[in-house]
Amino acid sequence: MTAAFSTRIELDDRGIAWIGGTKVKVTEVVLDKIAYGSSPEEIHFQHPHLSLAQIHGALTYYYENQDRLDEQIRRGLEESDRLAAQVSDVDFRRKLSNLKRSS
């Protein structure tokens, strides 16, 4: 006997996994688990629009594709760090300010 699960995981054109029918990336659920040690029930409290089945489905997808998703998470964190460094750069902020004034 084979079991069918109702939680869909959809991949966008960039290969990013989303919980089907939602605007929540699988990595968002995973980061709640990894960064905060949240249980599925705690994640559900933070994201009440997700069912526990969807949360468990996202975690299952993560564990089945952990290397690829860990790489996506790593790249996302690197990009965040790069953008944060740009925003905190004095010259960059000055250029932005000048652009705003000239508009």
N, C-alpha and C. Protein backbone atom coordinates (compact mmCIF):
# COMPACT_ATOMS: atom_id res chain seq x y z
N MET A 1 0.85 -1.19 0.00
CA MET A 1 0.00 0.00 0.00
C MET A 1 0.88 1.24 0.00
N THR A 2 0.53 2.21 -0.80
CA THR A 2 1.25 3.47 -0.89
C THR A 2 0.38 4.57 -0.30
N ALA A 3 1.00 5.44 0.49
CA ALA A 3 0.28 6.57 1.07
C ALA A 3 0.49 7.80 0.21
N ALA A 4 -0.53 8.61 0.07
CA ALA A 4 -0.44 9.88 -0.66
C ALA A 4 -0.56 11.02 0.36
N PHE A 5 0.27 12.02 0.18
CA PHE A 5 0.24 13.17 1.09
C PHE A 5 -0.38 14.36 0.39
N SER A 6 -1.09 15.16 1.14
CA SER A 6 -1.78 16.30 0.55
C SER A 6 -0.89 17.54 0.45
N THR A 7 0.20 17.58 1.17
CA THR A 7 1.08 18.75 1.13
C THR A 7 1.92 18.71 -0.14
N ARG A 8 1.77 19.75 -0.92
CA ARG A 8 2.54 19.86 -2.15
C ARG A 8 3.72 20.78 -1.93
N ILE A 9 4.82 20.43 -2.53
CA ILE A 9 5.98 21.30 -2.58
C ILE A 9 6.17 21.65 -4.04
N GLU A 10 6.22 22.93 -4.33
CA GLU A 10 6.34 23.39 -5.71
C GLU A 10 7.68 24.09 -5.89
N LEU A 11 8.33 23.83 -7.02
CA LEU A 11 9.59 24.48 -7.34
C LEU A 11 9.32 25.59 -8.34
N ASP A 12 9.88 26.79 -8.06
CA ASP A 12 9.74 27.87 -9.03
C ASP A 12 10.81 27.74 -10.10
N ASP A 13 10.86 28.69 -11.02
CA ASP A 13 11.79 28.59 -12.14
C ASP A 13 13.26 28.73 -11.71
N ARG A 14 13.50 29.15 -10.48
CA ARG A 14 14.87 29.23 -9.96
C ARG A 14 15.23 28.00 -9.13
N GLY A 15 14.29 27.06 -9.01
CA GLY A 15 14.53 25.85 -8.22
C GLY A 15 14.28 26.04 -6.74
N ILE A 16 13.61 27.13 -6.37
CA ILE A 16 13.28 27.40 -4.98
C ILE A 16 12.00 26.65 -4.62
N ALA A 17 12.05 25.92 -3.51
CA ALA A 17 10.90 25.11 -3.07
C ALA A 17 9.95 25.96 -2.22
N TRP A 18 8.69 25.92 -2.58
CA TRP A 18 7.61 26.62 -1.87
C TRP A 18 6.59 25.61 -1.38
N ILE A 19 5.95 25.92 -0.27
CA ILE A 19 4.83 25.10 0.19
C ILE A 19 3.67 25.42 -0.74
N GLY A 20 3.17 24.40 -1.42
CA GLY A 20 2.12 24.58 -2.43
C GLY A 20 0.93 25.36 -1.92
N GLY A 21 0.48 26.32 -2.73
CA GLY A 21 -0.70 27.11 -2.39
C GLY A 21 -0.43 28.19 -1.37
N THR A 22 0.83 28.43 -1.03
CA THR A 22 1.18 29.47 -0.05
C THR A 22 2.25 30.37 -0.64
N LYS A 23 2.61 31.37 0.12
CA LYS A 23 3.72 32.25 -0.25
C LYS A 23 4.89 32.03 0.70
N VAL A 24 5.04 30.80 1.16
CA VAL A 24 6.06 30.45 2.14
C VAL A 24 7.07 29.49 1.52
N LYS A 25 8.34 29.89 1.58
CA LYS A 25 9.41 29.01 1.09
C LYS A 25 9.66 27.91 2.12
N VAL A 26 10.04 26.74 1.63
CA VAL A 26 10.41 25.65 2.52
C VAL A 26 11.54 26.11 3.44
N THR A 27 12.48 26.88 2.90
CA THR A 27 13.63 27.31 3.71
C THR A 27 13.21 28.22 4.86
N GLU A 28 12.09 28.93 4.74
CA GLU A 28 11.62 29.76 5.85
C GLU A 28 11.25 28.89 7.05
N VAL A 29 10.56 27.79 6.77
CA VAL A 29 10.19 26.86 7.84
C VAL A 29 11.45 26.22 8.42
N VAL A 30 12.36 25.83 7.53
CA VAL A 30 13.60 25.18 7.95
C VAL A 30 14.42 26.11 8.84
N LEU A 31 14.52 27.38 8.45
CA LEU A 31 15.30 28.33 9.25
C LEU A 31 14.69 28.54 10.63
N ASP A 32 13.37 28.52 10.73
CA ASP A 32 12.75 28.58 12.05
C ASP A 32 13.19 27.40 12.90
N LYS A 33 13.26 26.24 12.29
CA LYS A 33 13.68 25.02 13.00
C LYS A 33 15.15 25.11 13.39
N ILE A 34 16.00 25.48 12.43
CA ILE A 34 17.45 25.49 12.67
C ILE A 34 17.87 26.65 13.58
N ALA A 35 17.45 27.85 13.22
CA ALA A 35 17.92 29.05 13.93
C ALA A 35 17.36 29.16 15.35
N TYR A 36 16.11 28.78 15.52
CA TYR A 36 15.47 28.97 16.82
C TYR A 36 15.17 27.67 17.54
N GLY A 37 15.42 26.55 16.88
CA GLY A 37 15.11 25.26 17.49
C GLY A 37 13.62 25.03 17.66
N SER A 38 12.84 25.69 16.81
CA SER A 38 11.38 25.61 16.93
C SER A 38 10.86 24.23 16.56
N SER A 39 9.89 23.78 17.33
CA SER A 39 9.20 22.54 17.00
C SER A 39 8.16 22.86 15.92
N PRO A 40 7.63 21.83 15.25
CA PRO A 40 6.56 22.10 14.28
C PRO A 40 5.38 22.87 14.90
N GLU A 41 5.07 22.58 16.14
CA GLU A 41 3.97 23.28 16.80
C GLU A 41 4.31 24.75 17.01
N GLU A 42 5.56 25.05 17.37
CA GLU A 42 5.98 26.44 17.54
C GLU A 42 6.01 27.17 16.19
N ILE A 43 6.42 26.47 15.15
CA ILE A 43 6.41 27.06 13.81
C ILE A 43 4.97 27.37 13.41
N HIS A 44 4.05 26.45 13.74
CA HIS A 44 2.63 26.67 13.44
C HIS A 44 2.11 27.91 14.18
N PHE A 45 2.56 28.12 15.40
CA PHE A 45 2.16 29.30 16.16
C PHE A 45 2.64 30.57 15.46
N GLN A 46 3.86 30.54 14.90
CA GLN A 46 4.42 31.70 14.19
C GLN A 46 3.81 31.88 12.80
N HIS A 47 3.35 30.80 12.20
CA HIS A 47 2.76 30.81 10.86
C HIS A 47 1.40 30.10 10.92
N PRO A 48 0.41 30.71 11.59
CA PRO A 48 -0.87 30.01 11.79
C PRO A 48 -1.61 29.68 10.49
N HIS A 49 -1.23 30.32 9.39
CA HIS A 49 -1.88 30.02 8.10
C HIS A 49 -1.38 28.71 7.50
N LEU A 50 -0.30 28.15 8.09
CA LEU A 50 0.20 26.84 7.64
C LEU A 50 -0.35 25.75 8.56
N SER A 51 -0.74 24.65 7.96
CA SER A 51 -1.18 23.52 8.78
C SER A 51 0.04 22.77 9.29
N LEU A 52 -0.15 21.99 10.32
CA LEU A 52 0.95 21.15 10.80
C LEU A 52 1.40 20.18 9.70
N ALA A 53 0.47 19.71 8.89
CA ALA A 53 0.83 18.81 7.79
C ALA A 53 1.74 19.53 6.80
N GLN A 54 1.46 20.80 6.51
CA GLN A 54 2.31 21.56 5.59
C GLN A 54 3.70 21.77 6.18
N ILE A 55 3.76 22.04 7.46
CA ILE A 55 5.05 22.24 8.14
C ILE A 55 5.85 20.94 8.12
N HIS A 56 5.22 19.85 8.47
CA HIS A 56 5.90 18.56 8.44
C HIS A 56 6.32 18.20 7.01
N GLY A 57 5.47 18.53 6.04
CA GLY A 57 5.81 18.27 4.64
C GLY A 57 7.04 19.06 4.20
N ALA A 58 7.11 20.33 4.63
CA ALA A 58 8.27 21.16 4.30
C ALA A 58 9.53 20.60 4.94
N LEU A 59 9.43 20.17 6.19
CA LEU A 59 10.60 19.59 6.87
C LEU A 59 11.02 18.28 6.22
N THR A 60 10.04 17.47 5.83
CA THR A 60 10.36 16.21 5.14
C THR A 60 11.08 16.50 3.83
N TYR A 61 10.57 17.47 3.07
CA TYR A 61 11.22 17.84 1.81
C TYR A 61 12.66 18.30 2.07
N TYR A 62 12.84 19.08 3.12
CA TYR A 62 14.18 19.55 3.46
C TYR A 62 15.13 18.38 3.73
N TYR A 63 14.70 17.45 4.58
CA TYR A 63 15.58 16.34 4.94
C TYR A 63 15.88 15.45 3.74
N GLU A 64 14.96 15.38 2.79
CA GLU A 64 15.19 14.58 1.59
C GLU A 64 16.09 15.31 0.58
N ASN A 65 16.23 16.62 0.73
CA ASN A 65 17.00 17.44 -0.21
C ASN A 65 17.94 18.38 0.54
N GLN A 66 18.46 17.92 1.64
CA GLN A 66 19.19 18.78 2.57
C GLN A 66 20.40 19.47 1.96
N ASP A 67 21.20 18.76 1.19
CA ASP A 67 22.41 19.37 0.62
C ASP A 67 22.05 20.56 -0.28
N ARG A 68 21.08 20.36 -1.15
CA ARG A 68 20.68 21.43 -2.08
C ARG A 68 20.08 22.62 -1.34
N LEU A 69 19.22 22.35 -0.36
CA LEU A 69 18.59 23.45 0.37
C LEU A 69 19.57 24.15 1.29
N ASP A 70 20.50 23.41 1.89
CA ASP A 70 21.53 24.05 2.70
C ASP A 70 22.36 25.01 1.84
N GLU A 71 22.63 24.61 0.61
CA GLU A 71 23.38 25.48 -0.31
C GLU A 71 22.57 26.73 -0.64
N GLN A 72 21.27 26.59 -0.86
CA GLN A 72 20.41 27.76 -1.11
C GLN A 72 20.41 28.69 0.09
N ILE A 73 20.32 28.12 1.27
CA ILE A 73 20.33 28.93 2.50
C ILE A 73 21.66 29.66 2.62
N ARG A 74 22.76 28.95 2.38
CA ARG A 74 24.09 29.55 2.48
C ARG A 74 24.22 30.72 1.50
N ARG A 75 23.80 30.51 0.24
CA ARG A 75 23.88 31.59 -0.76
C ARG A 75 23.00 32.77 -0.36
N GLY A 76 21.84 32.50 0.17
CA GLY A 76 20.95 33.58 0.61
C GLY A 76 21.55 34.39 1.74
N LEU A 77 22.21 33.71 2.68
CA LEU A 77 22.85 34.43 3.79
C LEU A 77 24.03 35.26 3.29
N GLU A 78 24.79 34.72 2.34
CA GLU A 78 25.90 35.48 1.76
C GLU A 78 25.39 36.73 1.05
N GLU A 79 24.31 36.58 0.30
CA GLU A 79 23.73 37.73 -0.40
C GLU A 79 23.22 38.77 0.59
N SER A 80 22.59 38.32 1.68
CA SER A 80 22.13 39.25 2.71
C SER A 80 23.30 40.02 3.33
N ASP A 81 24.38 39.29 3.61
CA ASP A 81 25.57 39.95 4.16
C ASP A 81 26.13 40.97 3.19
N ARG A 82 26.16 40.62 1.90
CA ARG A 82 26.69 41.53 0.88
C ARG A 82 25.83 42.79 0.79
N LEU A 83 24.51 42.61 0.78
CA LEU A 83 23.61 43.76 0.71
C LEU A 83 23.70 44.62 1.97
N ALA A 84 23.82 43.99 3.12
CA ALA A 84 23.95 44.74 4.38
C ALA A 84 25.23 45.56 4.37
N ALA A 85 26.31 44.98 3.84
CA ALA A 85 27.57 45.72 3.77
C ALA A 85 27.44 46.91 2.82
N GLN A 86 26.71 46.74 1.72
CA GLN A 86 26.50 47.85 0.79
C GLN A 86 25.73 48.97 1.45
N VAL A 87 24.67 48.62 2.14
CA VAL A 87 23.81 49.62 2.76
C VAL A 87 24.55 50.37 3.86
N SER A 88 25.44 49.69 4.55
CA SER A 88 26.17 50.34 5.63
C SER A 88 27.39 51.11 5.12
N ASP A 89 27.69 50.99 3.83
CA ASP A 89 28.82 51.69 3.23
C ASP A 89 28.48 53.18 3.12
N VAL A 90 29.34 54.03 3.68
CA VAL A 90 29.10 55.48 3.72
C VAL A 90 28.99 56.05 2.31
N ASP A 91 29.90 55.67 1.42
CA ASP A 91 29.86 56.19 0.05
C ASP A 91 28.57 55.79 -0.66
N PHE A 92 28.15 54.55 -0.45
CA PHE A 92 26.92 54.08 -1.07
C PHE A 92 25.72 54.88 -0.56
N ARG A 93 25.65 55.10 0.75
CA ARG A 93 24.54 55.88 1.31
C ARG A 93 24.56 57.31 0.79
N ARG A 94 25.74 57.88 0.62
CA ARG A 94 25.86 59.24 0.09
C ARG A 94 25.34 59.29 -1.34
N LYS A 95 25.72 58.30 -2.16
CA LYS A 95 25.23 58.24 -3.53
C LYS A 95 23.71 58.11 -3.57
N LEU A 96 23.17 57.28 -2.71
CA LEU A 96 21.70 57.14 -2.63
C LEU A 96 21.05 58.45 -2.26
N SER A 97 21.61 59.11 -1.28
CA SER A 97 21.07 60.39 -0.83
C SER A 97 21.11 61.42 -1.95
N ASN A 98 22.21 61.45 -2.68
CA ASN A 98 22.31 62.38 -3.81
C ASN A 98 21.29 62.06 -4.89
N LEU A 99 21.09 60.78 -5.15
CA LEU A 99 20.09 60.38 -6.14
C LEU A 99 18.68 60.82 -5.72
N LYS A 100 18.39 60.69 -4.43
CA LYS A 100 17.06 61.08 -3.93
C LYS A 100 16.86 62.58 -4.09
N ARG A 101 17.89 63.35 -3.81
CA ARG A 101 17.80 64.79 -3.91
C ARG A 101 17.64 65.26 -5.35
N SER A 102 18.26 64.55 -6.27
CA SER A 102 18.20 64.97 -7.67
C SER A 102 16.89 64.56 -8.36
N SER A 103 16.09 63.75 -7.70
CA SER A 103 14.82 63.29 -8.30
C SER A 103 13.74 64.32 -8.16
